Amino acid sequence: EPISPFKQLPTIDASIAPYEVVIENPEACGRYSGILIEGVKVGPSPAWLKNKLQSIGARSINNIVDITNYILHELGQPLHAFDADKIKGKVTVKTLDKDTAFTTLDGVERSLDDDQLMITNGIDNLCIAGVFGGQTSGISEQTTSVFLESAYFNPVSVRKTARFHGLNTDASFRFERGVDPALTMYALQRCVQLIQEIAGGQVAMKAFDWQGNIPQDKTTSISLNRINQLIGCQIDKSDVISILKDLDIQILSDNGDNLEIQIPAYRVDVTREADVVEEILGLINKRR
């Protein structure tokens, strides 16, 4: 059966996270959230989850990985599940020396560049942040404890790393285009809910949520006359307002020809009036 309505994480007896978290490159990692679940049963996913993934062309791997993939497509927030035994109590987000060798989930040994963000435990390298997991730290049938990662990684950093290695994963695709930093903890909670319903397990630590340089919503003004000039045809004001709402752009004030608007932080590619016009034009063409 499909999942029940979303609920908050249960209260637990863990006032201090048993994991040490160190963010050495805050310019490339704006937010990093994590939680530990112990006593999970890794196995095949239920039929409804397999069918959901199959309907979008995604391959079922196991219940834990399938849940993270399901949430990726449901919310747009990439998540990564580690075998908690491989974390060894410490998470370090950092870059490594140039030409460091790292074997990814596909069994390919890759040579890293010195500006590529990695998830490590201080000793072992576990994951190319926002792009691809490592061969030795993923979820297997022997996994009984899961460490969940939900983060906001800099789009430019992820894009450069993915292109360098010739990788285009579902996670990198979304990080490159800007995920919503406000969804980081919500997605983590959602993942815990599904894991407990499908694979069992108990939350074994208080979720931590490190926040650094998180993108903020942007405010700007647009001119309706200017929009019509740039597009080359007359668009009714009501249609412009409707399209802006569909784009998740909030109208702060309406001053006749000028609209003061607020652009959500996750729209990293929309900063100027011309960018807004481009978005409006794109939706107009789709509606025709």
C-alpha atoms as a PDB file:
ATOM      1  CA  GLU A   1       0.000   0.000   0.000  1.00  0.00           C
ATOM      2  CA  PRO A   2       1.151   3.595  -0.584  1.00  0.00           C
ATOM      3  CA  ILE A   3       2.696   5.477   2.309  1.00  0.00           C
ATOM      4  CA  SER A   4       0.650   7.163   5.017  1.00  0.00           C
ATOM      5  CA  PRO A   5       0.525  10.980   5.385  1.00  0.00           C
ATOM      6  CA  PHE A   6       3.788  12.667   6.368  1.00  0.00           C
ATOM      7  CA  LYS A   7       4.561  12.871  10.063  1.00  0.00           C
ATOM      8  CA  GLN A   8       7.389  14.382  12.091  1.00  0.00           C
ATOM      9  CA  LEU A   9      10.344  12.352  13.335  1.00  0.00           C
ATOM     10  CA  PRO A  10       9.761  10.613  16.651  1.00  0.00           C
ATOM     11  CA  THR A  11      11.256  12.080  19.806  1.00  0.00           C
ATOM     12  CA  ILE A  12      14.364  10.159  20.835  1.00  0.00           C
ATOM     13  CA  ASP A  13      16.798  10.052  23.721  1.00  0.00           C
ATOM     14  CA  ALA A  14      19.829  11.490  21.964  1.00  0.00           C
ATOM     15  CA  SER A  15      20.632  15.060  22.858  1.00  0.00           C
ATOM     16  CA  ILE A  16      24.057  14.929  21.193  1.00  0.00           C
ATOM     17  CA  ALA A  17      24.662  13.409  17.774  1.00  0.00           C
ATOM     18  CA  PRO A  18      27.162  10.508  18.032  1.00  0.00           C
ATOM     19  CA  TYR A  19      28.709  11.712  14.780  1.00  0.00           C
ATOM     20  CA  GLU A  20      31.284  14.432  14.412  1.00  0.00           C
ATOM     21  CA  VAL A  21      30.584  16.558  11.349  1.00  0.00           C
ATOM     22  CA  VAL A  22      33.236  18.805   9.816  1.00  0.00           C
ATOM     23  CA  ILE A  23      32.567  21.034   6.799  1.00  0.00           C
ATOM     24  CA  GLU A  24      35.956  22.139   5.474  1.00  0.00           C
ATOM     25  CA  ASN A  25      34.631  23.761   2.275  1.00  0.00           C
ATOM     26  CA  PRO A  26      31.562  25.835   3.211  1.00  0.00           C
ATOM     27  CA  GLU A  27      31.669  27.678  -0.122  1.00  0.00           C
ATOM     28  CA  ALA A  28      30.779  24.404  -1.876  1.00  0.00           C
ATOM     29  CA  CYS A  29      28.458  22.998   0.814  1.00  0.00           C
ATOM     30  CA  GLY A  30      25.826  25.424   2.080  1.00  0.00           C
ATOM     31  CA  ARG A  31      23.813  22.987   4.172  1.00  0.00           C
ATOM     32  CA  TYR A  32      24.446  19.471   5.445  1.00  0.00           C
ATOM     33  CA  SER A  33      21.910  17.412   7.384  1.00  0.00           C
ATOM     34  CA  GLY A  34      22.202  13.830   8.549  1.00  0.00           C
ATOM     35  CA  ILE A  35      20.659  11.180  10.750  1.00  0.00           C
ATOM     36  CA  LEU A  36      21.329   7.596  11.808  1.00  0.00           C
ATOM     37  CA  ILE A  37      18.824   4.721  11.655  1.00  0.00           C
ATOM     38  CA  GLU A  38      19.736   1.410  13.259  1.00  0.00           C
ATOM     39  CA  GLY A  39      18.154  -2.024  12.925  1.00  0.00           C
ATOM     40  CA  VAL A  40      16.926  -1.757   9.345  1.00  0.00           C
ATOM     41  CA  LYS A  41      16.138  -4.772   7.186  1.00  0.00           C
ATOM     42  CA  VAL A  42      17.553  -4.334   3.697  1.00  0.00           C
ATOM     43  CA  GLY A  43      15.671  -6.257   1.030  1.00  0.00           C
ATOM     44  CA  PRO A  44      13.401  -5.959  -2.012  1.00  0.00           C
ATOM     45  CA  SER A  45      11.031  -3.003  -2.160  1.00  0.00           C
ATOM     46  CA  PRO A  46       7.256  -3.454  -1.917  1.00  0.00           C
ATOM     47  CA  ALA A  47       5.381  -3.705  -5.194  1.00  0.00           C
ATOM     48  CA  TRP A  48       3.961  -0.164  -5.058  1.00  0.00           C
ATOM     49  CA  LEU A  49       7.445   1.345  -4.730  1.00  0.00           C
ATOM     50  CA  LYS A  50       8.896  -0.792  -7.516  1.00  0.00           C
ATOM     51  CA  ASN A  51       5.989   0.192  -9.760  1.00  0.00           C
ATOM     52  CA  LYS A  52       6.434   3.898  -9.016  1.00  0.00           C
ATOM     53  CA  LEU A  53      10.110   3.763  -9.958  1.00  0.00           C
ATOM     54  CA  GLN A  54       9.512   1.567 -12.991  1.00  0.00           C
ATOM     55  CA  SER A  55       6.911   4.030 -14.284  1.00  0.00           C
ATOM     56  CA  ILE A  56       9.625   6.700 -14.616  1.00  0.00           C
ATOM     57  CA  GLY A  57      12.272   4.323 -15.954  1.00  0.00           C
ATOM     58  CA  ALA A  58      14.207   3.934 -12.693  1.00  0.00           C
ATOM     59  CA  ARG A  59      15.651   0.547 -11.734  1.00  0.00           C
ATOM     60  CA  SER A  60      14.794  -0.975  -8.352  1.00  0.00           C
ATOM     61  CA  ILE A  61      17.935  -1.756  -6.313  1.00  0.00           C
ATOM     62  CA  ASN A  62      16.863  -2.369  -2.714  1.00  0.00           C
ATOM     63  CA  ASN A  63      14.314  -0.819  -0.368  1.00  0.00           C
ATOM     64  CA  ILE A  64      16.680   1.776   1.159  1.00  0.00           C
ATOM     65  CA  VAL A  65      18.143   3.020  -2.123  1.00  0.00           C
ATOM     66  CA  ASP A  66      14.712   2.902  -3.771  1.00  0.00           C
ATOM     67  CA  ILE A  67      13.287   5.141  -1.038  1.00  0.00           C
ATOM     68  CA  THR A  68      15.985   7.769  -1.597  1.00  0.00           C
ATOM     69  CA  ASN A  69      15.322   7.650  -5.357  1.00  0.00           C
ATOM     70  CA  TYR A  70      11.579   7.920  -4.798  1.00  0.00           C
ATOM     71  CA  ILE A  71      12.016  11.050  -2.664  1.00  0.00           C
ATOM     72  CA  LEU A  72      14.433  12.508  -5.206  1.00  0.00           C
ATOM     73  CA  HIS A  73      11.648  12.438  -7.791  1.00  0.00           C
ATOM     74  CA  GLU A  74       8.905  13.309  -5.320  1.00  0.00           C
ATOM     75  CA  LEU A  75      10.539  16.396  -3.787  1.00  0.00           C
ATOM     76  CA  GLY A  76      13.490  17.169  -6.052  1.00  0.00           C
ATOM     77  CA  GLN A  77      15.963  16.767  -3.174  1.00  0.00           C
ATOM     78  CA  PRO A  78      18.771  14.242  -3.721  1.00  0.00           C
ATOM     79  CA  LEU A  79      19.554  12.042  -0.711  1.00  0.00           C
ATOM     80  CA  HIS A  80      22.381   9.616  -0.118  1.00  0.00           C
ATOM     81  CA  ALA A  81      22.288   6.527   2.105  1.00  0.00           C
ATOM     82  CA  PHE A  82      25.558   5.219   3.531  1.00  0.00           C
ATOM     83  CA  ASP A  83      26.229   1.969   5.321  1.00  0.00           C
ATOM     84  CA  ALA A  84      26.692   3.547   8.759  1.00  0.00           C
ATOM     85  CA  ASP A  85      29.453   1.097   9.701  1.00  0.00           C
ATOM     86  CA  LYS A  86      31.626   2.688   6.992  1.00  0.00           C
ATOM     87  CA  ILE A  87      31.122   6.202   8.412  1.00  0.00           C
ATOM     88  CA  LYS A  88      32.844   5.245  11.686  1.00  0.00           C
ATOM     89  CA  GLY A  89      31.401   8.151  13.633  1.00  0.00           C
ATOM     90  CA  LYS A  90      32.773  11.031  11.573  1.00  0.00           C
ATOM     91  CA  VAL A  91      31.676  12.909   8.479  1.00  0.00           C
ATOM     92  CA  THR A  92      34.099  15.296   6.812  1.00  0.00           C
ATOM     93  CA  VAL A  93      33.110  17.306   3.744  1.00  0.00           C
ATOM     94  CA  LYS A  94      36.312  18.380   2.017  1.00  0.00           C
ATOM     95  CA  THR A  95      38.408  18.429  -1.132  1.00  0.00           C
ATOM     96  CA  LEU A  96      41.304  16.015  -1.585  1.00  0.00           C
ATOM     97  CA  ASP A  97      44.732  16.148  -3.192  1.00  0.00           C
ATOM     98  CA  LYS A  98      44.864  16.174  -6.977  1.00  0.00           C
ATOM     99  CA  ASP A  99      45.056  12.696  -8.572  1.00  0.00           C
ATOM    100  CA  THR A 100      43.627  10.945  -5.492  1.00  0.00           C
ATOM    101  CA  ALA A 101      42.150   7.631  -6.685  1.00  0.00           C
ATOM    102  CA  PHE A 102      38.520   6.860  -5.828  1.00  0.00           C
ATOM    103  CA  THR A 103      36.375   3.917  -6.960  1.00  0.00           C
ATOM    104  CA  THR A 104      32.726   4.798  -7.549  1.00  0.00           C
ATOM    105  CA  LEU A 105      29.635   2.578  -7.349  1.00  0.00           C
ATOM    106  CA  ASP A 106      30.033   1.490 -10.971  1.00  0.00           C
ATOM    107  CA  GLY A 107      33.400  -0.077 -10.167  1.00  0.00           C
ATOM    108  CA  VAL A 108      35.396   2.553 -12.075  1.00  0.00           C
ATOM    109  CA  GLU A 109      38.513   3.980 -10.434  1.00  0.00           C
ATOM    110  CA  ARG A 110      38.541   7.732 -10.983  1.00  0.00           C
ATOM    111  CA  SER A 111      41.328  10.261 -10.474  1.00  0.00           C
ATOM    112  CA  LEU A 112      40.067  13.286  -8.546  1.00  0.00           C
ATOM    113  CA  ASP A 113      40.925  16.920  -9.083  1.00  0.00           C
ATOM    114  CA  ASP A 114      41.807  19.136  -6.129  1.00  0.00           C
ATOM    115  CA  ASP A 115      38.614  21.247  -6.292  1.00  0.00           C
ATOM    116  CA  GLN A 116      36.138  18.345  -6.150  1.00  0.00           C
ATOM    117  CA  LEU A 117      34.086  18.030  -2.981  1.00  0.00           C
ATOM    118  CA  MET A 118      34.128  14.646  -1.250  1.00  0.00           C
ATOM    119  CA  ILE A 119      32.395  12.993   1.691  1.00  0.00           C
ATOM    120  CA  THR A 120      34.937  11.187   3.877  1.00  0.00           C
ATOM    121  CA  ASN A 121      35.172   9.837   7.404  1.00  0.00           C
ATOM    122  CA  GLY A 122      38.495  11.554   7.874  1.00  0.00           C
ATOM    123  CA  ILE A 123      40.391   8.492   6.674  1.00  0.00           C
ATOM    124  CA  ASP A 124      38.332   6.683   4.033  1.00  0.00           C
ATOM    125  CA  ASN A 125      36.791   8.426   1.029  1.00  0.00           C
ATOM    126  CA  LEU A 126      33.095   7.601   0.748  1.00  0.00           C
ATOM    127  CA  CYS A 127      31.354   9.655  -1.928  1.00  0.00           C
ATOM    128  CA  ILE A 128      31.813  12.334  -4.593  1.00  0.00           C
ATOM    129  CA  ALA A 129      29.522  14.942  -3.040  1.00  0.00           C
ATOM    130  CA  GLY A 130      26.334  15.468  -5.004  1.00  0.00           C
ATOM    131  CA  VAL A 131      27.461  13.275  -7.895  1.00  0.00           C
ATOM    132  CA  PHE A 132      28.170   9.591  -7.196  1.00  0.00           C
ATOM    133  CA  GLY A 133      28.642   7.252  -4.252  1.00  0.00           C
ATOM    134  CA  GLY A 134      31.624   5.055  -3.514  1.00  0.00           C
ATOM    135  CA  GLN A 135      31.839   1.317  -4.115  1.00  0.00           C
ATOM    136  CA  THR A 136      32.566   0.396  -0.502  1.00  0.00           C
ATOM    137  CA  SER A 137      30.174   2.646   1.440  1.00  0.00           C
ATOM    138  CA  GLY A 138      26.851   1.878  -0.240  1.00  0.00           C
ATOM    139  CA  ILE A 139      23.885  -0.098   1.069  1.00  0.00           C
ATOM    140  CA  SER A 140      24.118  -3.888   0.790  1.00  0.00           C
ATOM    141  CA  GLU A 141      22.152  -6.872   2.092  1.00  0.00           C
ATOM    142  CA  GLN A 142      24.515  -6.952   5.076  1.00  0.00           C
ATOM    143  CA  THR A 143      23.706  -3.357   6.071  1.00  0.00           C
ATOM    144  CA  THR A 144      21.851  -3.006   9.370  1.00  0.00           C
ATOM    145  CA  SER A 145      22.446   0.689  10.122  1.00  0.00           C
ATOM    146  CA  VAL A 146      21.978   3.540   7.665  1.00  0.00           C
ATOM    147  CA  PHE A 147      23.398   7.046   7.754  1.00  0.00           C
ATOM    148  CA  LEU A 148      21.243   9.403   5.672  1.00  0.00           C
ATOM    149  CA  GLU A 149      22.616  12.548   4.068  1.00  0.00           C
ATOM    150  CA  SER A 150      20.500  15.444   2.836  1.00  0.00           C
ATOM    151  CA  ALA A 151      22.472  18.470   1.669  1.00  0.00           C
ATOM    152  CA  TYR A 152      22.715  21.582  -0.442  1.00  0.00           C
ATOM    153  CA  PHE A 153      25.822  21.545  -2.634  1.00  0.00           C
ATOM    154  CA  ASN A 154      26.901  24.481  -4.784  1.00  0.00           C
ATOM    155  CA  PRO A 155      25.526  24.038  -8.334  1.00  0.00           C
ATOM    156  CA  VAL A 156      28.718  25.228 -10.046  1.00  0.00           C
ATOM    157  CA  SER A 157      30.898  22.915  -7.956  1.00  0.00           C
ATOM    158  CA  VAL A 158      28.713  19.895  -8.745  1.00  0.00           C
ATOM    159  CA  ARG A 159      28.522  20.776 -12.439  1.00  0.00           C
ATOM    160  CA  LYS A 160      32.307  21.040 -12.793  1.00  0.00           C
ATOM    161  CA  THR A 161      32.868  17.754 -10.973  1.00  0.00           C
ATOM    162  CA  ALA A 162      30.236  15.849 -12.953  1.00  0.00           C
ATOM    163  CA  ARG A 163      31.607  17.133 -16.278  1.00  0.00           C
ATOM    164  CA  PHE A 164      35.180  16.331 -15.256  1.00  0.00           C
ATOM    165  CA  HIS A 165      34.269  12.670 -14.709  1.00  0.00           C
ATOM    166  CA  GLY A 166      31.743  12.444 -17.550  1.00  0.00           C
ATOM    167  CA  LEU A 167      28.976  11.607 -15.097  1.00  0.00           C
ATOM    168  CA  ASN A 168      25.324  12.648 -15.313  1.00  0.00           C
ATOM    169  CA  THR A 169      23.473  11.152 -12.380  1.00  0.00           C
ATOM    170  CA  ASP A 170      19.972  11.971 -11.151  1.00  0.00           C
ATOM    171  CA  ALA A 171      21.531  13.679  -8.132  1.00  0.00           C
ATOM    172  CA  SER A 172      24.017  15.789 -10.102  1.00  0.00           C
ATOM    173  CA  PHE A 173      21.280  16.762 -12.581  1.00  0.00           C
ATOM    174  CA  ARG A 174      19.291  18.375  -9.762  1.00  0.00           C
ATOM    175  CA  PHE A 175      22.170  19.843  -7.781  1.00  0.00           C
ATOM    176  CA  GLU A 176      23.500  21.483 -10.954  1.00  0.00           C
ATOM    177  CA  ARG A 177      20.184  23.261 -11.450  1.00  0.00           C
ATOM    178  CA  GLY A 178      19.792  24.324  -7.827  1.00  0.00           C
ATOM    179  CA  VAL A 179      17.811  22.403  -5.215  1.00  0.00           C
ATOM    180  CA  ASP A 180      15.674  24.195  -2.646  1.00  0.00           C
ATOM    181  CA  PRO A 181      17.791  24.613   0.515  1.00  0.00           C
ATOM    182  CA  ALA A 182      14.584  24.927   2.534  1.00  0.00           C
ATOM    183  CA  LEU A 183      13.724  21.282   1.721  1.00  0.00           C
ATOM    184  CA  THR A 184      16.866  19.700   3.163  1.00  0.00           C
ATOM    185  CA  MET A 185      15.487  18.709   6.572  1.00  0.00           C
ATOM    186  CA  TYR A 186      11.984  18.022   5.290  1.00  0.00           C
ATOM    187  CA  ALA A 187      13.337  15.502   2.777  1.00  0.00           C
ATOM    188  CA  LEU A 188      15.408  13.865   5.516  1.00  0.00           C
ATOM    189  CA  GLN A 189      12.335  13.491   7.711  1.00  0.00           C
ATOM    190  CA  ARG A 190      10.348  12.132   4.802  1.00  0.00           C
ATOM    191  CA  CYS A 191      13.046   9.546   4.128  1.00  0.00           C
ATOM    192  CA  VAL A 192      13.109   8.399   7.754  1.00  0.00           C
ATOM    193  CA  GLN A 193       9.341   7.969   7.681  1.00  0.00           C
ATOM    194  CA  LEU A 194       9.440   5.735   4.608  1.00  0.00           C
ATOM    195  CA  ILE A 195      12.395   3.693   5.840  1.00  0.00           C
ATOM    196  CA  GLN A 196      10.667   2.962   9.128  1.00  0.00           C
ATOM    197  CA  GLU A 197       7.461   1.974   7.344  1.00  0.00           C
ATOM    198  CA  ILE A 198       9.169  -0.246   4.774  1.00  0.00           C
ATOM    199  CA  ALA A 199      12.478  -1.414   6.305  1.00  0.00           C
ATOM    200  CA  GLY A 200      11.900  -0.898  10.037  1.00  0.00           C
ATOM    201  CA  GLY A 201      14.644   0.517  12.230  1.00  0.00           C
ATOM    202  CA  GLN A 202      14.963   3.106  14.975  1.00  0.00           C
ATOM    203  CA  VAL A 203      16.267   6.657  14.863  1.00  0.00           C
ATOM    204  CA  ALA A 204      19.500   6.423  16.835  1.00  0.00           C
ATOM    205  CA  MET A 205      20.637  10.033  16.988  1.00  0.00           C
ATOM    206  CA  LYS A 206      19.332  13.546  16.982  1.00  0.00           C
ATOM    207  CA  ALA A 207      19.346  14.847  13.441  1.00  0.00           C
ATOM    208  CA  PHE A 208      22.031  17.454  12.870  1.00  0.00           C
ATOM    209  CA  ASP A 209      21.630  20.333  10.464  1.00  0.00           C
ATOM    210  CA  TRP A 210      24.722  22.383   9.639  1.00  0.00           C
ATOM    211  CA  GLN A 211      23.931  25.612   7.790  1.00  0.00           C
ATOM    212  CA  GLY A 212      26.443  27.896   6.159  1.00  0.00           C
ATOM    213  CA  ASN A 213      26.101  30.116   3.120  1.00  0.00           C
ATOM    214  CA  ILE A 214      22.587  29.144   2.020  1.00  0.00           C
ATOM    215  CA  PRO A 215      21.174  31.041  -0.968  1.00  0.00           C
ATOM    216  CA  GLN A 216      18.406  33.456  -0.026  1.00  0.00           C
ATOM    217  CA  ASP A 217      15.276  34.465  -1.905  1.00  0.00           C
ATOM    218  CA  LYS A 218      15.929  37.361  -4.290  1.00  0.00           C
ATOM    219  CA  THR A 219      13.760  40.448  -4.766  1.00  0.00           C
ATOM    220  CA  THR A 220      13.582  42.524  -7.930  1.00  0.00           C
ATOM    221  CA  SER A 221      11.079  44.514  -9.959  1.00  0.00           C
ATOM    222  CA  ILE A 222       9.751  43.885 -13.443  1.00  0.00           C
ATOM    223  CA  SER A 223       7.945  46.149 -15.890  1.00  0.00           C
ATOM    224  CA  LEU A 224       4.949  44.807 -17.793  1.00  0.00           C
ATOM    225  CA  ASN A 225       5.728  47.140 -20.710  1.00  0.00           C
ATOM    226  CA  ARG A 226       9.315  45.915 -20.748  1.00  0.00           C
ATOM    227  CA  ILE A 227       8.111  42.297 -20.766  1.00  0.00           C
ATOM    228  CA  ASN A 228       5.959  42.952 -23.822  1.00  0.00           C
ATOM    229  CA  GLN A 229       8.826  44.745 -25.557  1.00  0.00           C
ATOM    230  CA  LEU A 230      11.255  41.894 -24.979  1.00  0.00           C
ATOM    231  CA  ILE A 231       8.791  39.171 -25.966  1.00  0.00           C
ATOM    232  CA  GLY A 232       7.449  41.117 -28.958  1.00  0.00           C
ATOM    233  CA  CYS A 233       3.728  40.686 -28.297  1.00  0.00           C
ATOM    234  CA  GLN A 234       1.087  41.925 -25.885  1.00  0.00           C
ATOM    235  CA  ILE A 235       0.476  39.756 -22.826  1.00  0.00           C
ATOM    236  CA  ASP A 236      -2.353  40.491 -20.441  1.00  0.00           C
ATOM    237  CA  LYS A 237      -1.306  41.448 -16.944  1.00  0.00           C
ATOM    238  CA  SER A 238      -3.525  38.716 -15.494  1.00  0.00           C
ATOM    239  CA  ASP A 239      -1.670  36.116 -17.578  1.00  0.00           C
ATOM    240  CA  VAL A 240       1.706  37.429 -16.377  1.00  0.00           C
ATOM    241  CA  ILE A 241       0.565  37.223 -12.747  1.00  0.00           C
ATOM    242  CA  SER A 242      -0.775  33.695 -13.276  1.00  0.00           C
ATOM    243  CA  ILE A 243       2.501  32.567 -14.852  1.00  0.00           C
ATOM    244  CA  LEU A 244       4.589  34.098 -12.062  1.00  0.00           C
ATOM    245  CA  LYS A 245       2.555  32.157  -9.488  1.00  0.00           C
ATOM    246  CA  ASP A 246       3.069  28.952 -11.481  1.00  0.00           C
ATOM    247  CA  LEU A 247       6.820  29.669 -11.397  1.00  0.00           C
ATOM    248  CA  ASP A 248       6.672  29.945  -7.596  1.00  0.00           C
ATOM    249  CA  ILE A 249       7.554  33.643  -7.868  1.00  0.00           C
ATOM    250  CA  GLN A 250       5.775  35.695  -5.234  1.00  0.00           C
ATOM    251  CA  ILE A 251       4.351  39.147  -6.035  1.00  0.00           C
ATOM    252  CA  LEU A 252       5.240  41.467  -3.164  1.00  0.00           C
ATOM    253  CA  SER A 253       3.562  44.593  -4.521  1.00  0.00           C
ATOM    254  CA  ASP A 254       1.585  45.621  -7.608  1.00  0.00           C
ATOM    255  CA  ASN A 255       2.256  49.193  -8.747  1.00  0.00           C
ATOM    256  CA  GLY A 256       0.436  49.188 -12.052  1.00  0.00           C
ATOM    257  CA  ASP A 257       3.086  48.690 -14.703  1.00  0.00           C
ATOM    258  CA  ASN A 258       5.713  47.555 -12.178  1.00  0.00           C
ATOM    259  CA  LEU A 259       5.605  44.431 -10.054  1.00  0.00           C
ATOM    260  CA  GLU A 260       7.901  43.874  -7.069  1.00  0.00           C
ATOM    261  CA  ILE A 261       8.621  40.136  -6.978  1.00  0.00           C
ATOM    262  CA  GLN A 262      10.434  37.577  -4.819  1.00  0.00           C
ATOM    263  CA  ILE A 263      12.282  34.773  -6.594  1.00  0.00           C
ATOM    264  CA  PRO A 264      12.819  31.527  -4.623  1.00  0.00           C
ATOM    265  CA  ALA A 265      16.392  30.705  -3.664  1.00  0.00           C
ATOM    266  CA  TYR A 266      16.455  27.439  -5.578  1.00  0.00           C
ATOM    267  CA  ARG A 267      16.038  29.288  -8.898  1.00  0.00           C
ATOM    268  CA  VAL A 268      19.751  30.002  -9.171  1.00  0.00           C
ATOM    269  CA  ASP A 269      19.385  30.798 -12.875  1.00  0.00           C
ATOM    270  CA  VAL A 270      16.811  33.580 -12.362  1.00  0.00           C
ATOM    271  CA  THR A 271      18.275  36.818 -11.004  1.00  0.00           C
ATOM    272  CA  ARG A 272      17.364  39.620 -13.463  1.00  0.00           C
ATOM    273  CA  GLU A 273      14.290  40.961 -15.197  1.00  0.00           C
ATOM    274  CA  ALA A 274      15.476  39.374 -18.463  1.00  0.00           C
ATOM    275  CA  ASP A 275      15.662  35.960 -16.729  1.00  0.00           C
ATOM    276  CA  VAL A 276      12.068  36.349 -15.523  1.00  0.00           C
ATOM    277  CA  VAL A 277      10.951  37.302 -19.044  1.00  0.00           C
ATOM    278  CA  GLU A 278      12.644  34.183 -20.411  1.00  0.00           C
ATOM    279  CA  GLU A 279      10.760  32.031 -17.896  1.00  0.00           C
ATOM    280  CA  ILE A 280       7.452  33.697 -18.777  1.00  0.00           C
ATOM    281  CA  LEU A 281       8.076  33.176 -22.495  1.00  0.00           C
ATOM    282  CA  GLY A 282       8.882  29.516 -21.906  1.00  0.00           C
ATOM    283  CA  LEU A 283       5.556  28.888 -20.190  1.00  0.00           C
ATOM    284  CA  ILE A 284       3.619  30.868 -22.779  1.00  0.00           C
ATOM    285  CA  ASN A 285       5.022  28.649 -25.536  1.00  0.00           C
ATOM    286  CA  LYS A 286       4.141  25.498 -23.584  1.00  0.00           C
ATOM    287  CA  ARG A 287       0.560  26.668 -23.092  1.00  0.00           C
ATOM    288  CA  ARG A 288       0.008  27.306 -26.786  1.00  0.00           C
END
